[in-house]
Protein backbone atom coordinates (compact mmCIF):
# COMPACT_ATOMS: atom_id res chain seq x y z
CA MET A 1 -48.62 27.98 89.63
CA ILE A 2 -47.40 26.24 86.50
CA THR A 3 -46.69 22.52 86.44
CA SER A 4 -45.65 21.99 82.81
CA ARG A 5 -42.31 20.30 82.19
CA LEU A 6 -39.37 22.42 81.06
CA ASP A 7 -38.43 21.60 77.47
CA ALA A 8 -35.81 22.40 74.86
CA GLY A 9 -37.97 25.12 73.35
CA ALA A 10 -37.39 27.42 76.32
CA ARG A 11 -36.21 30.88 75.37
CA GLY A 12 -36.16 34.45 76.62
CA VAL A 13 -34.98 35.54 80.06
CA PHE A 14 -35.11 33.38 83.18
CA PRO A 15 -33.70 35.64 85.92
CA ILE A 16 -31.72 34.05 88.73
CA ALA A 17 -33.53 35.16 91.87
CA PRO A 18 -31.60 36.09 95.00
CA THR A 19 -32.91 34.98 98.37
CA PRO A 20 -34.10 37.98 100.42
CA PHE A 21 -33.12 38.07 104.09
CA HIS A 22 -33.81 40.32 107.03
CA THR A 23 -30.76 41.85 108.70
CA ASP A 24 -30.94 39.17 111.40
CA GLY A 25 -30.66 36.38 108.80
CA ARG A 26 -34.32 35.35 108.67
CA ILE A 27 -35.89 34.80 105.25
CA ASP A 28 -37.85 37.88 104.18
CA TRP A 29 -41.07 36.39 102.85
CA ASP A 30 -42.67 39.72 101.99
CA SER A 31 -39.69 40.57 99.78
CA ILE A 32 -39.94 37.14 98.14
CA ASP A 33 -43.55 37.92 97.20
CA ARG A 34 -42.65 41.39 95.97
CA MET A 35 -39.68 40.02 93.98
CA ALA A 36 -41.84 37.34 92.33
CA ASP A 37 -44.41 39.97 91.39
CA PHE A 38 -41.64 42.16 89.96
CA TYR A 39 -40.34 39.35 87.75
CA ALA A 40 -43.88 38.60 86.57
CA GLY A 41 -44.52 42.29 85.91
CA ILE A 42 -41.48 42.77 83.66
CA GLY A 43 -42.43 39.78 81.54
CA ALA A 44 -39.81 37.24 82.62
CA ASP A 45 -40.15 34.04 80.60
CA GLY A 46 -39.21 31.89 83.58
CA LEU A 47 -37.34 32.03 86.87
CA THR A 48 -34.48 30.14 88.48
CA ILE A 49 -34.25 29.89 92.26
CA LEU A 50 -31.74 28.41 94.72
CA GLY A 51 -28.83 29.05 92.39
CA VAL A 52 -25.28 30.00 93.38
CA LEU A 53 -26.23 33.63 93.99
CA GLY A 54 -29.48 32.55 95.64
CA GLU A 55 -27.29 31.63 98.63
CA ALA A 56 -28.66 28.08 98.46
CA PRO A 57 -25.83 26.54 100.54
CA LYS A 58 -26.85 28.83 103.43
CA LEU A 59 -30.37 27.37 103.56
CA ASP A 60 -31.47 24.21 105.30
CA ALA A 61 -33.68 21.65 103.53
CA GLU A 62 -36.89 22.91 105.10
CA GLU A 63 -36.16 26.52 104.14
CA SER A 64 -35.30 25.53 100.57
CA LEU A 65 -38.61 23.73 100.10
CA ALA A 66 -40.52 26.60 101.69
CA ILE A 67 -39.01 28.99 99.14
CA VAL A 68 -39.84 26.64 96.27
CA ARG A 69 -43.42 26.35 97.51
CA ARG A 70 -43.79 30.13 97.86
CA ILE A 71 -42.34 30.98 94.45
CA CYS A 72 -44.11 28.23 92.50
CA ALA A 73 -47.45 29.18 94.02
CA ARG A 74 -46.99 32.77 92.87
CA MET A 75 -45.41 32.43 89.41
CA LYS A 76 -47.22 31.50 86.20
CA VAL A 77 -44.04 30.89 84.21
CA PRO A 78 -41.66 27.89 84.44
CA VAL A 79 -39.59 27.78 87.62
CA ILE A 80 -36.22 26.02 87.63
CA VAL A 81 -34.79 24.95 91.00
CA GLY A 82 -31.08 24.58 91.66
CA VAL A 83 -30.63 21.16 93.27
CA SER A 84 -26.84 20.76 93.20
CA ALA A 85 -25.61 18.85 96.23
CA PRO A 86 -22.55 16.86 97.37
CA GLY A 87 -24.50 13.59 97.07
CA PHE A 88 -27.37 12.25 95.03
CA ALA A 89 -29.69 11.55 97.97
CA PRO A 90 -30.27 15.22 98.91
CA MET A 91 -30.32 16.13 95.21
CA ARG A 92 -33.08 13.60 94.54
CA SER A 93 -35.05 14.68 97.59
CA LEU A 94 -35.05 18.37 96.65
CA ALA A 95 -35.61 17.69 92.95
CA ARG A 96 -38.63 15.44 93.40
CA ALA A 97 -40.16 17.61 96.11
CA SER A 98 -39.70 20.70 93.93
CA ILE A 99 -41.44 19.08 90.98
CA ASP A 100 -44.30 18.06 93.27
CA LEU A 101 -44.61 21.70 94.33
CA GLY A 102 -44.89 22.90 90.73
CA ALA A 103 -41.33 23.43 89.49
CA ALA A 104 -40.81 22.83 85.76
CA GLY A 105 -37.26 21.48 86.00
CA VAL A 106 -34.03 21.51 87.96
CA MET A 107 -30.49 22.80 87.46
CA ILE A 108 -27.45 20.66 88.23
CA ALA A 109 -23.91 21.98 88.58
CA PRO A 110 -20.92 19.61 88.46
CA PRO A 111 -18.93 19.02 91.66
CA ASN A 112 -15.43 20.49 91.51
CA THR A 113 -13.89 17.03 91.90
CA LEU A 114 -14.59 16.13 88.27
CA ARG A 115 -11.54 16.35 86.03
CA THR A 116 -11.82 14.07 83.00
CA ASP A 117 -14.39 14.06 80.23
CA GLU A 118 -15.55 10.59 81.25
CA GLN A 119 -16.07 11.67 84.85
CA ILE A 120 -18.21 14.61 83.75
CA VAL A 121 -20.32 12.56 81.34
CA ASN A 122 -20.79 9.77 83.88
CA TYR A 123 -21.73 12.23 86.62
CA TYR A 124 -24.62 13.70 84.66
CA ARG A 125 -25.84 10.25 83.64
CA GLN A 126 -25.85 9.14 87.27
CA ALA A 127 -27.49 12.39 88.40
CA SER A 128 -30.35 12.03 85.92
CA LEU A 129 -30.91 8.44 86.95
CA ALA A 130 -30.81 9.44 90.61
CA ILE A 131 -33.42 12.19 90.41
CA GLY A 132 -35.52 10.32 87.85
CA GLU A 133 -35.50 10.63 84.09
CA ASP A 134 -38.97 12.14 84.20
CA ILE A 135 -37.43 15.35 85.61
CA ALA A 136 -36.10 17.81 83.02
CA PHE A 137 -32.71 19.21 83.94
CA VAL A 138 -30.36 22.04 83.04
CA ILE A 139 -26.57 21.67 82.81
CA GLN A 140 -24.82 24.51 84.59
CA ASP A 141 -21.51 25.08 82.82
CA TYR A 142 -19.65 27.60 84.98
CA PRO A 143 -15.94 26.69 85.00
CA LEU A 144 -14.92 29.99 86.60
CA THR A 145 -16.72 28.94 89.79
CA PHE A 146 -16.81 25.14 89.65
CA ALA A 147 -13.37 24.57 88.07
CA VAL A 148 -14.85 21.91 85.75
CA GLN A 149 -14.08 22.30 82.06
CA MET A 150 -16.79 21.00 79.73
CA THR A 151 -15.83 20.95 76.07
CA PRO A 152 -18.55 21.19 73.41
CA ARG A 153 -18.10 17.48 72.72
CA VAL A 154 -18.66 16.65 76.39
CA ILE A 155 -21.89 18.63 76.38
CA GLU A 156 -22.90 16.86 73.16
CA ARG A 157 -22.39 13.51 74.90
CA ILE A 158 -24.36 14.56 77.98
CA VAL A 159 -27.27 15.65 75.78
CA ARG A 160 -27.12 12.42 73.77
CA ASP A 161 -26.99 10.21 76.88
CA ASN A 162 -29.75 11.98 78.80
CA PRO A 163 -33.17 12.55 77.23
CA ALA A 164 -34.11 14.66 80.25
CA CYS A 165 -31.38 17.24 79.51
CA VAL A 166 -33.19 20.14 77.84
CA MET A 167 -31.11 23.24 78.57
CA LEU A 168 -27.57 24.48 79.00
CA LYS A 169 -26.89 27.36 81.34
CA HIS A 170 -23.85 28.64 79.48
CA GLU A 171 -21.40 30.53 81.70
CA ASP A 172 -18.05 29.71 80.18
CA TRP A 173 -15.82 32.71 79.62
CA PRO A 174 -14.70 33.16 76.92
CA GLY A 175 -17.53 31.08 75.54
CA LEU A 176 -18.77 32.47 72.25
CA GLU A 177 -17.04 29.77 70.23
CA LYS A 178 -18.62 27.11 72.44
CA ILE A 179 -22.09 28.35 71.52
CA SER A 180 -21.18 28.31 67.83
CA ALA A 181 -19.82 24.77 68.15
CA LEU A 182 -22.95 23.46 69.87
CA ARG A 183 -25.23 24.99 67.27
CA SER A 184 -23.06 23.49 64.53
CA PHE A 185 -23.57 20.05 66.11
CA GLU A 186 -27.32 20.62 65.81
CA ARG A 187 -27.03 21.57 62.15
CA GLU A 188 -24.93 18.48 61.55
CA GLN A 189 -27.58 16.46 63.44
CA THR A 190 -25.05 14.95 65.83
CA MET A 191 -26.86 16.62 68.76
CA ARG A 192 -30.55 17.31 69.22
CA HIS A 193 -31.64 20.86 69.93
CA ILE A 194 -31.45 22.14 73.50
CA ALA A 195 -32.10 25.61 74.84
CA ILE A 196 -28.99 27.67 75.55
CA LEU A 197 -29.51 30.43 78.09
CA CYS A 198 -26.50 32.41 79.23
CA GLY A 199 -25.27 33.56 82.62
CA ASN A 200 -22.28 35.59 83.85
CA GLY A 201 -24.56 38.48 84.72
CA GLY A 202 -25.25 38.90 81.01
CA LEU A 203 -21.76 40.29 80.35
CA PHE A 204 -21.62 38.86 76.83
CA LEU A 205 -25.34 38.54 76.08
CA ASP A 206 -25.18 40.92 73.12
CA PHE A 207 -22.98 38.60 71.09
CA GLU A 208 -24.15 35.35 72.72
CA LEU A 209 -27.56 35.96 71.15
CA GLU A 210 -25.92 36.50 67.77
CA ARG A 211 -24.03 33.20 68.16
CA GLY A 212 -27.27 31.28 68.70
CA ALA A 213 -28.15 31.57 72.38
CA ASP A 214 -31.85 31.59 73.17
CA GLY A 215 -31.68 34.15 75.96
CA ALA A 216 -30.36 34.74 79.45
CA ASN A 217 -30.47 32.84 82.71
CA THR A 218 -28.76 35.24 85.04
CA GLY A 219 -29.35 37.65 87.88
CA TYR A 220 -28.41 41.18 86.94
CA ALA A 221 -30.19 43.85 89.00
CA PHE A 222 -31.96 45.06 85.84
CA PRO A 223 -33.36 41.85 84.32
CA ASP A 224 -35.92 44.03 82.55
CA MET A 225 -33.03 45.43 80.48
CA LEU A 226 -31.97 41.89 79.54
CA ILE A 227 -35.55 41.17 78.47
CA ASP A 228 -35.53 44.28 76.29
CA VAL A 229 -32.22 43.29 74.66
CA VAL A 230 -33.42 39.76 73.91
CA ARG A 231 -36.65 41.05 72.37
CA MET A 232 -34.87 43.72 70.34
CA HIS A 233 -32.51 41.06 69.01
CA ALA A 234 -35.47 38.86 68.04
CA ARG A 235 -36.97 41.79 66.11
CA GLY A 236 -33.70 42.38 64.26
CA GLU A 237 -33.01 45.69 66.04
CA ARG A 238 -29.31 45.03 66.40
CA ASP A 239 -27.98 48.54 66.99
CA LYS A 240 -30.80 49.44 69.36
CA ALA A 241 -30.13 46.30 71.41
CA HIS A 242 -26.39 47.03 71.56
CA ASP A 243 -26.97 50.66 72.52
CA LEU A 244 -29.12 49.72 75.52
CA PHE A 245 -26.76 46.92 76.52
CA ASP A 246 -23.71 49.19 76.25
CA ALA A 247 -25.29 51.74 78.60
CA HIS A 248 -25.56 49.07 81.31
CA LEU A 249 -22.21 47.41 80.69
CA PRO A 250 -20.17 49.33 83.32
CA LEU A 251 -22.70 48.38 86.01
CA LEU A 252 -22.85 44.81 84.71
CA ARG A 253 -19.08 44.62 84.99
CA TYR A 254 -19.08 46.08 88.49
CA GLU A 255 -21.74 43.61 89.63
CA GLN A 256 -19.67 40.69 88.33
CA GLN A 257 -16.81 41.25 90.78
CA PRO A 258 -16.04 38.01 92.63
CA GLY A 259 -16.99 38.18 96.28
CA VAL A 260 -19.04 41.37 96.25
CA GLY A 261 -21.23 40.86 93.17
CA LEU A 262 -24.23 39.63 95.14
CA ALA A 263 -23.92 42.56 97.52
CA VAL A 264 -24.03 44.99 94.59
CA ARG A 265 -27.03 43.21 93.09
CA LYS A 266 -28.99 43.18 96.32
CA TYR A 267 -28.12 46.82 97.02
CA VAL A 268 -29.49 47.93 93.65
CA MET A 269 -32.56 45.72 94.00
CA MET A 270 -33.17 47.32 97.40
CA LYS A 271 -32.89 50.78 95.85
CA ARG A 272 -35.37 49.69 93.20
CA GLY A 273 -37.85 48.77 95.95
CA ILE A 274 -37.80 45.05 95.13
CA LEU A 275 -36.04 43.98 98.33
CA ALA A 276 -36.57 45.54 101.74
CA SER A 277 -32.92 44.97 102.64
CA ASP A 278 -29.67 44.13 100.90
CA ALA A 279 -28.79 41.72 103.71
CA GLN A 280 -27.05 38.44 103.03
CA ARG A 281 -26.96 35.46 105.34
CA GLY A 282 -23.50 34.82 106.72
CA PRO A 283 -20.84 34.26 105.72
CA ALA A 284 -21.26 37.42 103.67
CA SER A 285 -19.27 40.17 101.97
CA PRO A 286 -21.19 43.42 102.51
CA LEU A 287 -20.53 46.54 100.47
CA SER A 288 -18.17 49.13 101.85
CA ALA A 289 -19.18 52.78 101.89
CA ALA A 290 -16.86 53.38 98.94
CA ALA A 291 -18.46 50.56 96.94
CA ARG A 292 -21.93 51.96 97.59
CA THR A 293 -20.80 55.36 96.37
CA GLU A 294 -19.33 53.81 93.23
CA THR A 295 -22.51 51.83 92.58
CA ASP A 296 -24.61 54.97 92.96
CA TYR A 297 -22.35 56.76 90.49
CA LEU A 298 -22.71 53.96 87.96
CA LEU A 299 -26.48 54.04 88.40
CA SER A 300 -26.49 57.76 87.67
CA ARG A 301 -24.61 57.14 84.42
CA VAL A 302 -26.99 54.34 83.36
CA ALA A 303 -29.91 56.68 84.12
CA ARG A 304 -28.75 59.02 81.34
CA VAL A 305 -29.94 56.37 78.87
CA ASP A 306 -32.34 54.19 80.89
CA SER A 307 -34.78 55.93 83.23
CA ARG A 308 -35.22 52.73 85.26
CA ALA A 309 -31.87 53.52 86.88
CA GLN A 310 -33.08 56.89 88.21
CA LEU A 311 -33.14 55.81 91.84
């Protein structure tokens, strides 16, 4: 277990962990242990749990804390816990309990009711005050899902107003110019440095790194590939990083389909032996027979370049 506070120097790959379930909807604790050991074994720099694709809204409060306890006890890298909630009371409860259990920080997504810049800035200020300014937090900027548009200047204001804000989970799309703008604010010293880790399944990670991102915070079924790409980029092996990334891109794209993306991810993770089942807790969108066949075909094509896909 690690109890250090998340800080703006975070970098590398923090996979978004799915929540394993049995086919009857019960949490699969053995798969949680196996999944945590897998992430540790591939050299993940951190881990994020109870995110959007962790099926967090399908868990009750007791289950959420039990998962936090299990993961934090097993991992020796920083664990970030998604604590987004309709109100600040449950957000505070989960955030503070998670930190007590060993989490390094929390991730907060904006509610889809926010429309103006002032509403967004005020929301994050109130959220940080509600959970306590001693808790480091991550902004989740995912307008495709949350329908909240954060401009670079809004993010700059959130960072300036909240000392506890140490990371941006960047999931805007297209979003390369946003990364460039944020890093320019740092060079101009109008915004202090924060970590920028990118989501969207890693779809644009190749160029996000070149624009100044520090790594990935996403849940692709081959996070070990993302780790390789980030490390190759850090070593200046640009073409090698792009070649490996390009080999996975068709599967990355397929996994990013709205509605069935989690099913694809869990199916591949099951085939890799990480999860015992690809089950989701209802409401769910399981893979059709045709989708499984297509996923298997894409895996066979990835395997021509990356032997980890030989399943």
